[in-house]
Amino acid sequence: MVRNSGSGSIKKIDYNAPVAERDTILAVLQSDIGIAALILVFAGFLLTKAETYETKRGDKYRVIALLSLVPVLACAASIWICMDGIEGSVWCAAHSLGSLKVVLVMAGIYAIIATVWSAT
């Protein structure tokens, strides 16, 4: 079976990849799913809180909830990279841990912005 690695070349899938590498990619995948789930729960909480306010304060919570889409979409991209890495893409396997770092930075920035903006 062959897989296009994205660079135009066709490579064979290595189903005999080292177990440690596959376990690392699976751990990154689980972390991405967990982070996305936590952010979505927080966004749902913000949306229900926004419904209780009929003023501009409710609009602020809606905007903060909509901003949660940025780290969630980053999680989705990282999940896609991990899934391709598990399937045998060499580039994706090599960059899966880096994509988790990007997700963590984006989630941290979102948490800081959401905390500071909702406190004002």
Protein backbone atom coordinates (compact mmCIF):
# COMPACT_ATOMS: atom_id res chain seq x y z
CA MET A 1 0.00 0.00 0.00
CA VAL A 2 1.29 3.46 -0.84
CA ARG A 3 0.59 6.85 0.62
CA ASN A 4 1.29 10.31 -0.73
CA SER A 5 3.31 12.11 1.92
CA GLY A 6 2.28 15.53 0.68
CA SER A 7 5.57 16.42 -0.96
CA GLY A 8 4.69 14.83 -4.28
CA SER A 9 6.60 11.63 -3.63
CA ILE A 10 4.96 8.31 -2.95
CA LYS A 11 6.28 6.32 -0.02
CA LYS A 12 5.40 2.95 1.38
CA ILE A 13 3.57 2.88 4.68
CA ASP A 14 5.77 1.47 7.39
CA TYR A 15 3.44 -0.57 9.57
CA ASN A 16 6.48 -1.81 11.45
CA ALA A 17 7.35 1.65 12.78
CA PRO A 18 8.91 1.69 16.23
CA VAL A 19 6.32 1.27 18.95
CA ALA A 20 7.67 4.22 20.93
CA GLU A 21 7.13 6.56 17.98
CA ARG A 22 3.56 5.38 17.46
CA ASP A 23 2.87 5.64 21.18
CA THR A 24 4.17 9.21 21.20
CA ILE A 25 1.92 10.14 18.29
CA LEU A 26 -1.05 8.50 20.03
CA ALA A 27 -0.28 10.43 23.23
CA VAL A 28 -0.17 13.69 21.26
CA LEU A 29 -3.46 12.75 19.58
CA GLN A 30 -5.11 12.11 22.95
CA SER A 31 -3.78 15.42 24.28
CA ASP A 32 -5.16 17.31 21.30
CA ILE A 33 -8.58 15.72 21.71
CA GLY A 34 -8.58 16.51 25.44
CA ILE A 35 -7.60 20.15 24.94
CA ALA A 36 -10.26 20.63 22.26
CA ALA A 37 -12.89 19.07 24.52
CA LEU A 38 -11.98 21.31 27.46
CA ILE A 39 -12.09 24.44 25.33
CA LEU A 40 -15.46 23.45 23.84
CA VAL A 41 -16.91 22.86 27.32
CA PHE A 42 -15.65 26.28 28.40
CA ALA A 43 -17.14 27.88 25.28
CA GLY A 44 -20.49 26.21 26.01
CA PHE A 45 -20.38 27.59 29.53
CA LEU A 46 -19.70 31.07 28.19
CA LEU A 47 -22.57 30.85 25.72
CA THR A 48 -25.03 29.84 28.44
CA LYS A 49 -23.75 32.65 30.63
CA ALA A 50 -24.15 35.10 27.75
CA GLU A 51 -27.80 34.14 27.42
CA THR A 52 -28.48 35.22 30.99
CA TYR A 53 -27.34 38.77 30.22
CA GLU A 54 -29.39 40.91 27.85
CA THR A 55 -26.88 43.74 27.80
CA LYS A 56 -23.53 44.35 26.16
CA ARG A 57 -21.97 42.19 28.86
CA GLY A 58 -23.60 39.19 27.20
CA ASP A 59 -22.11 40.24 23.87
CA LYS A 60 -18.65 40.14 25.45
CA TYR A 61 -19.16 36.53 26.54
CA ARG A 62 -20.40 35.58 23.07
CA VAL A 63 -17.27 37.05 21.47
CA ILE A 64 -15.02 35.21 23.92
CA ALA A 65 -16.88 31.98 23.13
CA LEU A 66 -16.48 32.56 19.39
CA LEU A 67 -12.76 33.20 19.85
CA SER A 68 -12.49 29.67 21.24
CA LEU A 69 -12.82 28.45 17.66
CA VAL A 70 -9.21 29.49 16.97
CA PRO A 71 -7.56 27.00 19.38
CA VAL A 72 -10.19 24.36 18.57
CA LEU A 73 -9.35 24.61 14.86
CA ALA A 74 -5.66 24.38 15.77
CA CYS A 75 -6.48 21.20 17.70
CA ALA A 76 -8.33 19.84 14.67
CA ALA A 77 -5.31 20.49 12.45
CA SER A 78 -3.01 18.83 14.97
CA ILE A 79 -5.36 15.84 15.21
CA TRP A 80 -5.24 15.53 11.42
CA ILE A 81 -1.43 15.63 11.49
CA CYS A 82 -1.36 12.91 14.16
CA MET A 83 -3.75 10.70 12.23
CA ASP A 84 -1.59 11.00 9.11
CA GLY A 85 1.48 10.26 11.23
CA ILE A 86 -0.12 7.08 12.54
CA GLU A 87 -0.92 6.08 8.95
CA GLY A 88 2.75 6.36 8.06
CA SER A 89 3.45 9.87 6.82
CA VAL A 90 7.02 10.62 7.77
CA TRP A 91 6.57 14.41 7.77
CA CYS A 92 3.47 14.22 9.97
CA ALA A 93 5.11 11.82 12.40
CA ALA A 94 8.08 14.16 12.73
CA HIS A 95 5.92 17.26 13.26
CA SER A 96 3.16 15.89 15.51
CA LEU A 97 4.89 16.98 18.71
CA GLY A 98 5.50 20.43 17.27
CA SER A 99 1.83 20.76 16.42
CA LEU A 100 0.97 19.99 20.06
CA LYS A 101 3.30 22.80 21.13
CA VAL A 102 1.47 25.20 18.82
CA VAL A 103 -1.88 24.06 20.23
CA LEU A 104 -0.68 24.57 23.80
CA VAL A 105 0.57 28.08 23.03
CA MET A 106 -2.69 29.01 21.30
CA ALA A 107 -4.79 27.57 24.13
CA GLY A 108 -2.69 29.47 26.67
CA ILE A 109 -3.04 32.74 24.79
CA TYR A 110 -6.79 32.18 24.50
CA ALA A 111 -7.05 31.45 28.23
CA ILE A 112 -5.18 34.65 29.09
CA ILE A 113 -7.28 36.77 26.73
CA ALA A 114 -10.54 35.20 27.94
CA THR A 115 -9.63 35.70 31.60
CA VAL A 116 -8.50 39.30 31.25
CA TRP A 117 -11.34 40.31 28.95
CA SER A 118 -14.09 38.70 31.02
CA ALA A 119 -12.74 40.28 34.21
CA THR A 120 -13.11 43.81 32.85
